[in-house]
Amino acid sequence: MQGARVNVRLAVASDAEAIRRIYNHEVEHSTHTFDLVPRSLEEQEEWLAARDGALGVVVAEVGGGVRGFASLSEYRARAAYRTSVESSVYVDVEWRGQGLGRRLLEELIVLAAARGFHTMIARIVGGHEASIRLHESLGFSVVGTEREIGRKFGGWLDVVVMQRMLE
């Protein structure tokens, strides 16, 4: 990526396939998501459409292709949680370690603040130290750990909960 121009922008409907490819790799090969079944293109398009409006998805383009994405999702369905948002960041396995995750999360923080959210929550699988360090470097703090809250690939998984205030 050295010297390559990175363009971080809001996702559009035509990004659904690239987002699906990046996400499904994590579904099938990692514990970075607790989904167990890869998404179809239709499901990915619905997911993207559901984040249009107050929420949002940003993508990182390098060399004409989407190499990562980050999203804001509803934290909880109850009305009192509407000022809180959950963040997610995924980078194509071949593009990790080159600063794309940082660029995406920085843009997501700006987007969340601009859209009036009060706080961001990140839920990161235990042991994913790179993601935890990234979030800490951008002002997130660990607020708790959910022990053995998920199960994937035959093992129990913890979730580290991190939070950043936006106001």
N, C-alpha and C. Protein backbone atom coordinates (compact mmCIF):
# COMPACT_ATOMS: atom_id res chain seq x y z
N MET A 1 0.82 -1.18 0.00
CA MET A 1 0.00 0.00 0.00
C MET A 1 0.87 1.26 0.00
N GLN A 2 2.13 1.14 0.30
CA GLN A 2 2.98 2.32 0.36
C GLN A 2 2.87 3.11 -0.92
N GLY A 3 2.54 4.39 -0.77
CA GLY A 3 2.40 5.26 -1.91
C GLY A 3 1.03 5.20 -2.56
N ALA A 4 0.25 4.18 -2.25
CA ALA A 4 -1.09 4.06 -2.85
C ALA A 4 -2.02 5.04 -2.16
N ARG A 5 -2.91 5.61 -2.92
CA ARG A 5 -3.90 6.56 -2.38
C ARG A 5 -5.05 5.78 -1.75
N VAL A 6 -5.37 6.14 -0.52
CA VAL A 6 -6.49 5.54 0.19
C VAL A 6 -7.63 6.54 0.18
N ASN A 7 -8.79 6.10 -0.27
CA ASN A 7 -9.98 6.93 -0.29
C ASN A 7 -11.00 6.31 0.68
N VAL A 8 -11.28 7.01 1.77
CA VAL A 8 -12.29 6.56 2.72
C VAL A 8 -13.55 7.37 2.43
N ARG A 9 -14.65 6.66 2.18
CA ARG A 9 -15.89 7.33 1.79
C ARG A 9 -17.08 6.54 2.30
N LEU A 10 -18.25 7.17 2.25
CA LEU A 10 -19.48 6.46 2.60
C LEU A 10 -19.72 5.34 1.59
N ALA A 11 -20.18 4.21 2.07
CA ALA A 11 -20.48 3.08 1.20
C ALA A 11 -21.72 3.37 0.38
N VAL A 12 -21.76 2.78 -0.80
CA VAL A 12 -22.93 2.84 -1.67
C VAL A 12 -23.36 1.41 -1.96
N ALA A 13 -24.55 1.27 -2.52
CA ALA A 13 -25.12 -0.06 -2.75
C ALA A 13 -24.20 -0.97 -3.55
N SER A 14 -23.47 -0.41 -4.51
CA SER A 14 -22.59 -1.25 -5.34
C SER A 14 -21.38 -1.79 -4.58
N ASP A 15 -21.16 -1.35 -3.33
CA ASP A 15 -20.07 -1.88 -2.51
C ASP A 15 -20.45 -3.18 -1.80
N ALA A 16 -21.70 -3.58 -1.90
CA ALA A 16 -22.19 -4.73 -1.12
C ALA A 16 -21.37 -6.00 -1.37
N GLU A 17 -21.03 -6.29 -2.61
CA GLU A 17 -20.29 -7.52 -2.89
C GLU A 17 -18.89 -7.50 -2.27
N ALA A 18 -18.19 -6.38 -2.36
CA ALA A 18 -16.86 -6.29 -1.75
C ALA A 18 -16.95 -6.41 -0.23
N ILE A 19 -17.93 -5.77 0.37
CA ILE A 19 -18.13 -5.86 1.82
C ILE A 19 -18.44 -7.30 2.19
N ARG A 20 -19.29 -7.95 1.42
CA ARG A 20 -19.65 -9.34 1.68
C ARG A 20 -18.42 -10.25 1.61
N ARG A 21 -17.57 -10.04 0.62
CA ARG A 21 -16.37 -10.87 0.48
C ARG A 21 -15.46 -10.73 1.70
N ILE A 22 -15.23 -9.50 2.13
CA ILE A 22 -14.37 -9.26 3.30
C ILE A 22 -15.01 -9.87 4.54
N TYR A 23 -16.29 -9.64 4.74
CA TYR A 23 -16.98 -10.13 5.93
C TYR A 23 -17.05 -11.65 5.95
N ASN A 24 -17.40 -12.25 4.84
CA ASN A 24 -17.55 -13.71 4.81
C ASN A 24 -16.23 -14.42 5.07
N HIS A 25 -15.13 -13.83 4.70
CA HIS A 25 -13.83 -14.42 5.05
C HIS A 25 -13.71 -14.54 6.57
N GLU A 26 -14.13 -13.50 7.28
CA GLU A 26 -14.06 -13.53 8.75
C GLU A 26 -15.04 -14.55 9.33
N VAL A 27 -16.22 -14.66 8.73
CA VAL A 27 -17.21 -15.65 9.18
C VAL A 27 -16.61 -17.05 9.10
N GLU A 28 -15.98 -17.34 7.99
CA GLU A 28 -15.50 -18.69 7.72
C GLU A 28 -14.15 -19.02 8.35
N HIS A 29 -13.32 -18.00 8.66
CA HIS A 29 -11.94 -18.28 9.06
C HIS A 29 -11.49 -17.66 10.37
N SER A 30 -12.35 -16.89 11.04
CA SER A 30 -11.90 -16.23 12.26
C SER A 30 -13.03 -16.16 13.29
N THR A 31 -12.65 -15.72 14.46
CA THR A 31 -13.63 -15.45 15.51
C THR A 31 -13.90 -13.96 15.64
N HIS A 32 -13.48 -13.17 14.66
CA HIS A 32 -13.69 -11.72 14.71
C HIS A 32 -15.15 -11.35 14.59
N THR A 33 -15.95 -12.24 14.04
CA THR A 33 -17.40 -12.11 14.06
C THR A 33 -17.97 -13.40 14.62
N PHE A 34 -19.09 -13.30 15.29
CA PHE A 34 -19.73 -14.50 15.85
C PHE A 34 -20.74 -15.09 14.88
N ASP A 35 -20.90 -14.50 13.70
CA ASP A 35 -21.73 -15.14 12.68
C ASP A 35 -21.10 -16.47 12.30
N LEU A 36 -21.95 -17.45 12.03
CA LEU A 36 -21.48 -18.78 11.67
C LEU A 36 -21.76 -19.13 10.21
N VAL A 37 -22.65 -18.38 9.58
CA VAL A 37 -23.08 -18.67 8.21
C VAL A 37 -22.74 -17.46 7.34
N PRO A 38 -22.04 -17.67 6.23
CA PRO A 38 -21.73 -16.56 5.34
C PRO A 38 -23.01 -15.89 4.82
N ARG A 39 -22.89 -14.60 4.54
CA ARG A 39 -24.03 -13.83 4.02
C ARG A 39 -24.15 -14.00 2.51
N SER A 40 -25.38 -14.02 2.05
CA SER A 40 -25.64 -13.96 0.61
C SER A 40 -25.53 -12.51 0.18
N LEU A 41 -25.45 -12.28 -1.12
CA LEU A 41 -25.40 -10.91 -1.61
C LEU A 41 -26.68 -10.17 -1.22
N GLU A 42 -27.82 -10.82 -1.31
CA GLU A 42 -29.08 -10.18 -0.93
C GLU A 42 -29.06 -9.78 0.54
N GLU A 43 -28.57 -10.65 1.43
CA GLU A 43 -28.49 -10.32 2.85
C GLU A 43 -27.53 -9.15 3.09
N GLN A 44 -26.42 -9.12 2.35
CA GLN A 44 -25.47 -8.02 2.51
C GLN A 44 -26.07 -6.71 2.02
N GLU A 45 -26.81 -6.76 0.94
CA GLU A 45 -27.49 -5.55 0.45
C GLU A 45 -28.50 -5.05 1.46
N GLU A 46 -29.24 -5.96 2.10
CA GLU A 46 -30.21 -5.57 3.13
C GLU A 46 -29.50 -4.97 4.34
N TRP A 47 -28.39 -5.56 4.74
CA TRP A 47 -27.59 -5.06 5.85
C TRP A 47 -27.13 -3.63 5.56
N LEU A 48 -26.63 -3.41 4.37
CA LEU A 48 -26.14 -2.09 3.97
C LEU A 48 -27.28 -1.08 3.95
N ALA A 49 -28.42 -1.46 3.40
CA ALA A 49 -29.58 -0.56 3.33
C ALA A 49 -30.09 -0.21 4.72
N ALA A 50 -30.01 -1.14 5.66
CA ALA A 50 -30.48 -0.91 7.03
C ALA A 50 -29.63 0.13 7.76
N ARG A 51 -28.43 0.38 7.28
CA ARG A 51 -27.54 1.36 7.92
C ARG A 51 -27.54 2.70 7.21
N ASP A 52 -28.37 2.83 6.21
CA ASP A 52 -28.51 4.10 5.51
C ASP A 52 -29.26 5.07 6.42
N GLY A 53 -28.97 6.32 6.33
CA GLY A 53 -29.66 7.30 7.16
C GLY A 53 -28.83 7.68 8.36
N ALA A 54 -29.37 7.52 9.55
CA ALA A 54 -28.70 7.96 10.78
C ALA A 54 -27.44 7.16 11.08
N LEU A 55 -27.40 5.91 10.70
CA LEU A 55 -26.22 5.09 10.97
C LEU A 55 -25.22 5.33 9.84
N GLY A 56 -24.54 4.33 9.39
CA GLY A 56 -23.65 4.54 8.26
C GLY A 56 -22.60 3.47 8.13
N VAL A 57 -22.07 3.36 6.92
CA VAL A 57 -20.98 2.45 6.60
C VAL A 57 -19.98 3.23 5.77
N VAL A 58 -18.71 3.10 6.10
CA VAL A 58 -17.64 3.69 5.30
C VAL A 58 -16.76 2.58 4.76
N VAL A 59 -16.18 2.84 3.60
CA VAL A 59 -15.27 1.87 2.99
C VAL A 59 -13.93 2.55 2.72
N ALA A 60 -12.88 1.74 2.68
CA ALA A 60 -11.56 2.20 2.29
C ALA A 60 -11.25 1.60 0.93
N GLU A 61 -11.06 2.48 -0.04
CA GLU A 61 -10.70 2.06 -1.40
C GLU A 61 -9.21 2.29 -1.61
N VAL A 62 -8.56 1.28 -2.16
CA VAL A 62 -7.16 1.40 -2.55
C VAL A 62 -7.02 0.72 -3.90
N GLY A 63 -6.39 1.38 -4.82
CA GLY A 63 -6.17 0.78 -6.12
C GLY A 63 -7.45 0.39 -6.84
N GLY A 64 -8.50 1.15 -6.62
CA GLY A 64 -9.76 0.89 -7.30
C GLY A 64 -10.64 -0.18 -6.67
N GLY A 65 -10.22 -0.75 -5.54
CA GLY A 65 -11.03 -1.78 -4.89
C GLY A 65 -11.28 -1.47 -3.43
N VAL A 66 -12.40 -1.97 -2.91
CA VAL A 66 -12.71 -1.83 -1.49
C VAL A 66 -11.87 -2.83 -0.72
N ARG A 67 -11.05 -2.33 0.21
CA ARG A 67 -10.12 -3.17 0.99
C ARG A 67 -10.50 -3.28 2.45
N GLY A 68 -11.53 -2.54 2.87
CA GLY A 68 -12.00 -2.61 4.24
C GLY A 68 -13.27 -1.80 4.39
N PHE A 69 -13.97 -2.04 5.50
CA PHE A 69 -15.18 -1.27 5.77
C PHE A 69 -15.38 -1.16 7.27
N ALA A 70 -16.14 -0.16 7.67
CA ALA A 70 -16.48 0.03 9.07
C ALA A 70 -17.93 0.50 9.12
N SER A 71 -18.63 0.09 10.18
CA SER A 71 -20.05 0.40 10.24
C SER A 71 -20.49 0.84 11.62
N LEU A 72 -21.57 1.61 11.60
CA LEU A 72 -22.30 1.97 12.81
C LEU A 72 -23.60 1.18 12.80
N SER A 73 -23.90 0.53 13.91
CA SER A 73 -25.13 -0.24 14.04
C SER A 73 -25.85 0.18 15.30
N GLU A 74 -27.13 -0.07 15.31
CA GLU A 74 -27.93 0.18 16.51
C GLU A 74 -27.33 -0.62 17.66
N TYR A 75 -27.13 0.04 18.81
CA TYR A 75 -26.57 -0.67 19.96
C TYR A 75 -27.60 -1.61 20.58
N ARG A 76 -28.77 -1.10 20.85
CA ARG A 76 -29.88 -1.91 21.37
C ARG A 76 -31.17 -1.32 20.80
N ALA A 77 -32.22 -2.12 20.75
CA ALA A 77 -33.47 -1.70 20.12
C ALA A 77 -34.31 -0.75 20.99
N ARG A 78 -34.16 -0.79 22.28
CA ARG A 78 -34.99 0.07 23.14
C ARG A 78 -34.67 1.54 22.96
N ALA A 79 -35.69 2.37 23.05
CA ALA A 79 -35.59 3.80 22.72
C ALA A 79 -34.51 4.53 23.52
N ALA A 80 -34.31 4.21 24.77
CA ALA A 80 -33.34 4.95 25.58
C ALA A 80 -31.90 4.77 25.10
N TYR A 81 -31.65 3.77 24.26
CA TYR A 81 -30.31 3.52 23.73
C TYR A 81 -30.03 4.25 22.42
N ARG A 82 -30.96 5.02 21.92
CA ARG A 82 -30.83 5.61 20.57
C ARG A 82 -29.64 6.54 20.39
N THR A 83 -29.07 7.03 21.47
CA THR A 83 -27.90 7.91 21.35
C THR A 83 -26.59 7.14 21.44
N SER A 84 -26.69 5.82 21.54
CA SER A 84 -25.51 4.95 21.58
C SER A 84 -25.46 4.14 20.29
N VAL A 85 -24.25 3.88 19.85
CA VAL A 85 -24.08 3.15 18.59
C VAL A 85 -22.93 2.15 18.75
N GLU A 86 -23.05 1.02 18.07
CA GLU A 86 -21.99 0.01 18.08
C GLU A 86 -21.18 0.12 16.79
N SER A 87 -19.88 0.02 16.93
CA SER A 87 -19.00 0.13 15.76
C SER A 87 -18.37 -1.22 15.43
N SER A 88 -18.10 -1.40 14.15
CA SER A 88 -17.40 -2.58 13.66
C SER A 88 -16.42 -2.16 12.59
N VAL A 89 -15.26 -2.81 12.55
CA VAL A 89 -14.24 -2.52 11.55
C VAL A 89 -13.70 -3.84 11.01
N TYR A 90 -13.65 -3.97 9.68
CA TYR A 90 -13.12 -5.16 9.03
C TYR A 90 -12.21 -4.74 7.89
N VAL A 91 -11.03 -5.35 7.83
CA VAL A 91 -10.07 -5.07 6.77
C VAL A 91 -9.75 -6.38 6.07
N ASP A 92 -9.72 -6.34 4.75
CA ASP A 92 -9.35 -7.50 3.95
C ASP A 92 -8.04 -8.08 4.49
N VAL A 93 -8.00 -9.38 4.64
CA VAL A 93 -6.85 -10.06 5.25
C VAL A 93 -5.54 -9.68 4.56
N GLU A 94 -5.55 -9.45 3.28
CA GLU A 94 -4.33 -9.13 2.54
C GLU A 94 -3.90 -7.67 2.70
N TRP A 95 -4.72 -6.86 3.35
CA TRP A 95 -4.43 -5.43 3.49
C TRP A 95 -4.25 -5.01 4.94
N ARG A 96 -4.18 -5.97 5.85
CA ARG A 96 -4.02 -5.63 7.27
C ARG A 96 -2.62 -5.12 7.58
N GLY A 97 -2.52 -4.38 8.67
CA GLY A 97 -1.23 -3.88 9.13
C GLY A 97 -0.72 -2.69 8.33
N GLN A 98 -1.58 -2.07 7.53
CA GLN A 98 -1.16 -0.96 6.69
C GLN A 98 -1.90 0.33 7.02
N GLY A 99 -2.61 0.34 8.14
CA GLY A 99 -3.27 1.56 8.59
C GLY A 99 -4.70 1.75 8.11
N LEU A 100 -5.24 0.80 7.36
CA LEU A 100 -6.62 0.97 6.88
C LEU A 100 -7.63 0.93 8.02
N GLY A 101 -7.43 0.04 8.99
CA GLY A 101 -8.35 -0.04 10.13
C GLY A 101 -8.40 1.28 10.88
N ARG A 102 -7.25 1.89 11.08
CA ARG A 102 -7.18 3.19 11.76
C ARG A 102 -7.94 4.25 10.96
N ARG A 103 -7.70 4.32 9.66
CA ARG A 103 -8.38 5.32 8.82
C ARG A 103 -9.89 5.12 8.87
N LEU A 104 -10.32 3.86 8.81
CA LEU A 104 -11.76 3.58 8.85
C LEU A 104 -12.36 3.96 10.19
N LEU A 105 -11.71 3.59 11.29
CA LEU A 105 -12.26 3.89 12.61
C LEU A 105 -12.24 5.39 12.87
N GLU A 106 -11.20 6.09 12.43
CA GLU A 106 -11.18 7.55 12.58
C GLU A 106 -12.38 8.17 11.87
N GLU A 107 -12.64 7.73 10.66
CA GLU A 107 -13.77 8.28 9.90
C GLU A 107 -15.09 7.92 10.56
N LEU A 108 -15.18 6.72 11.12
CA LEU A 108 -16.41 6.29 11.78
C LEU A 108 -16.70 7.14 13.03
N ILE A 109 -15.66 7.49 13.76
CA ILE A 109 -15.81 8.34 14.94
C ILE A 109 -16.35 9.71 14.53
N VAL A 110 -15.78 10.29 13.48
CA VAL A 110 -16.24 11.58 12.97
C VAL A 110 -17.69 11.48 12.53
N LEU A 111 -18.02 10.41 11.82
CA LEU A 111 -19.39 10.21 11.33
C LEU A 111 -20.38 10.09 12.49
N ALA A 112 -20.03 9.29 13.50
CA ALA A 112 -20.92 9.10 14.64
C ALA A 112 -21.16 10.42 15.38
N ALA A 113 -20.11 11.19 15.58
CA ALA A 113 -20.26 12.49 16.26
C ALA A 113 -21.12 13.44 15.42
N ALA A 114 -20.87 13.47 14.13
CA ALA A 114 -21.62 14.37 13.24
C ALA A 114 -23.09 14.00 13.18
N ARG A 115 -23.40 12.74 13.40
CA ARG A 115 -24.80 12.30 13.35
C ARG A 115 -25.47 12.35 14.72
N GLY A 116 -24.78 12.92 15.70
CA GLY A 116 -25.40 13.21 16.98
C GLY A 116 -25.38 12.10 18.01
N PHE A 117 -24.58 11.07 17.79
CA PHE A 117 -24.51 10.01 18.80
C PHE A 117 -23.67 10.48 19.98
N HIS A 118 -23.96 9.96 21.14
CA HIS A 118 -23.30 10.36 22.38
C HIS A 118 -22.12 9.45 22.72
N THR A 119 -22.25 8.17 22.40
CA THR A 119 -21.19 7.22 22.75
C THR A 119 -21.13 6.08 21.73
N MET A 120 -19.92 5.54 21.58
CA MET A 120 -19.71 4.38 20.71
C MET A 120 -19.27 3.20 21.55
N ILE A 121 -19.79 2.04 21.21
CA ILE A 121 -19.43 0.79 21.87
C ILE A 121 -18.77 -0.11 20.82
N ALA A 122 -17.68 -0.73 21.20
CA ALA A 122 -17.03 -1.74 20.36
C ALA A 122 -17.01 -3.04 21.16
N ARG A 123 -17.41 -4.11 20.52
CA ARG A 123 -17.42 -5.44 21.16
C ARG A 123 -16.43 -6.28 20.38
N ILE A 124 -15.30 -6.62 21.02
CA ILE A 124 -14.17 -7.25 20.35
C ILE A 124 -13.90 -8.62 20.98
N VAL A 125 -13.75 -9.63 20.14
CA VAL A 125 -13.48 -10.97 20.66
C VAL A 125 -12.21 -10.95 21.51
N GLY A 126 -12.27 -11.62 22.65
CA GLY A 126 -11.11 -11.70 23.52
C GLY A 126 -9.90 -12.26 22.79
N GLY A 127 -8.74 -11.67 23.04
CA GLY A 127 -7.53 -12.13 22.40
C GLY A 127 -7.20 -11.42 21.10
N HIS A 128 -8.10 -10.60 20.58
CA HIS A 128 -7.84 -9.87 19.33
C HIS A 128 -7.13 -8.57 19.69
N GLU A 129 -5.87 -8.71 20.08
CA GLU A 129 -5.10 -7.60 20.63
C GLU A 129 -4.91 -6.44 19.65
N ALA A 130 -4.77 -6.73 18.37
CA ALA A 130 -4.58 -5.64 17.39
C ALA A 130 -5.80 -4.73 17.39
N SER A 131 -6.99 -5.29 17.44
CA SER A 131 -8.20 -4.47 17.44
C SER A 131 -8.33 -3.71 18.76
N ILE A 132 -8.02 -4.37 19.85
CA ILE A 132 -8.09 -3.70 21.15
C ILE A 132 -7.12 -2.51 21.19
N ARG A 133 -5.89 -2.72 20.72
CA ARG A 133 -4.90 -1.63 20.70
C ARG A 133 -5.34 -0.50 19.77
N LEU A 134 -5.89 -0.84 18.63
CA LEU A 134 -6.38 0.19 17.71
C LEU A 134 -7.43 1.05 18.40
N HIS A 135 -8.41 0.42 19.01
CA HIS A 135 -9.47 1.16 19.68
C HIS A 135 -8.93 2.01 20.83
N GLU A 136 -8.02 1.46 21.61
CA GLU A 136 -7.42 2.23 22.71
C GLU A 136 -6.70 3.46 22.16
N SER A 137 -6.01 3.31 21.04
CA SER A 137 -5.24 4.43 20.47
C SER A 137 -6.16 5.55 19.98
N LEU A 138 -7.44 5.25 19.78
CA LEU A 138 -8.39 6.25 19.32
C LEU A 138 -9.41 6.63 20.39
N GLY A 139 -9.03 6.42 21.65
CA GLY A 139 -9.83 6.95 22.74
C GLY A 139 -10.86 6.02 23.35
N PHE A 140 -10.90 4.77 22.94
CA PHE A 140 -11.81 3.80 23.55
C PHE A 140 -11.16 3.24 24.81
N SER A 141 -11.98 2.93 25.80
CA SER A 141 -11.51 2.31 27.04
C SER A 141 -12.26 1.01 27.27
N VAL A 142 -11.57 0.05 27.85
CA VAL A 142 -12.22 -1.21 28.21
C VAL A 142 -13.17 -0.93 29.36
N VAL A 143 -14.43 -1.34 29.22
CA VAL A 143 -15.42 -1.15 30.28
C VAL A 143 -15.90 -2.49 30.84
N GLY A 144 -15.44 -3.58 30.26
CA GLY A 144 -15.82 -4.88 30.79
C GLY A 144 -15.50 -6.01 29.83
N THR A 145 -15.65 -7.22 30.36
CA THR A 145 -15.46 -8.42 29.55
C THR A 145 -16.61 -9.37 29.81
N GLU A 146 -17.22 -9.81 28.74
CA GLU A 146 -18.27 -10.83 28.84
C GLU A 146 -17.57 -12.18 28.66
N ARG A 147 -17.61 -13.00 29.68
CA ARG A 147 -16.88 -14.28 29.69
C ARG A 147 -17.67 -15.38 29.00
N GLU A 148 -17.00 -16.09 28.11
CA GLU A 148 -17.56 -17.25 27.42
C GLU A 148 -18.98 -16.99 26.92
N ILE A 149 -19.13 -15.86 26.25
CA ILE A 149 -20.44 -15.41 25.79
C ILE A 149 -20.81 -16.00 24.44
N GLY A 150 -19.80 -16.49 23.71
CA GLY A 150 -20.05 -17.08 22.40
C GLY A 150 -19.26 -18.36 22.21
N ARG A 151 -19.68 -19.11 21.20
CA ARG A 151 -18.99 -20.37 20.91
C ARG A 151 -18.84 -20.48 19.40
N LYS A 152 -17.60 -20.72 18.97
CA LYS A 152 -17.31 -20.86 17.54
C LYS A 152 -16.07 -21.73 17.38
N PHE A 153 -16.06 -22.53 16.34
CA PHE A 153 -14.94 -23.45 16.05
C PHE A 153 -14.62 -24.33 17.26
N GLY A 154 -15.66 -24.70 18.01
CA GLY A 154 -15.50 -25.61 19.13
C GLY A 154 -14.95 -25.00 20.41
N GLY A 155 -14.83 -23.68 20.46
CA GLY A 155 -14.28 -23.06 21.67
C GLY A 155 -15.16 -21.93 22.17
N TRP A 156 -15.05 -21.69 23.49
CA TRP A 156 -15.76 -20.58 24.11
C TRP A 156 -15.02 -19.29 23.86
N LEU A 157 -15.77 -18.20 23.66
CA LEU A 157 -15.17 -16.91 23.33
C LEU A 157 -15.65 -15.83 24.29
N ASP A 158 -14.70 -15.04 24.74
CA ASP A 158 -15.00 -13.84 25.52
C ASP A 158 -15.19 -12.66 24.58
N VAL A 159 -15.85 -11.63 25.07
CA VAL A 159 -15.97 -10.38 24.33
C VAL A 159 -15.51 -9.24 25.24
N VAL A 160 -14.56 -8.47 24.75
CA VAL A 160 -14.09 -7.28 25.45
C VAL A 160 -14.97 -6.12 24.97
N VAL A 161 -15.58 -5.43 25.92
CA VAL A 161 -16.45 -4.30 25.60
C VAL A 161 -15.65 -3.02 25.82
N MET A 162 -15.61 -2.19 24.77
CA MET A 162 -14.88 -0.93 24.85
C MET A 162 -15.85 0.20 24.53
N GLN A 163 -15.57 1.39 25.08
CA GLN A 163 -16.47 2.53 24.91
C GLN A 163 -15.67 3.80 24.70
N ARG A 164 -16.23 4.66 23.85
CA ARG A 164 -15.68 6.01 23.65
C ARG A 164 -16.82 7.00 23.70
N MET A 165 -16.67 8.03 24.53
CA MET A 165 -17.65 9.10 24.58
C MET A 165 -17.36 10.04 23.41
N LEU A 166 -18.42 10.56 22.81
CA LEU A 166 -18.27 11.43 21.64
C LEU A 166 -18.47 12.90 21.98
N GLU A 167 -19.12 13.19 23.07
CA GLU A 167 -19.40 14.58 23.45
C GLU A 167 -18.53 15.00 24.60
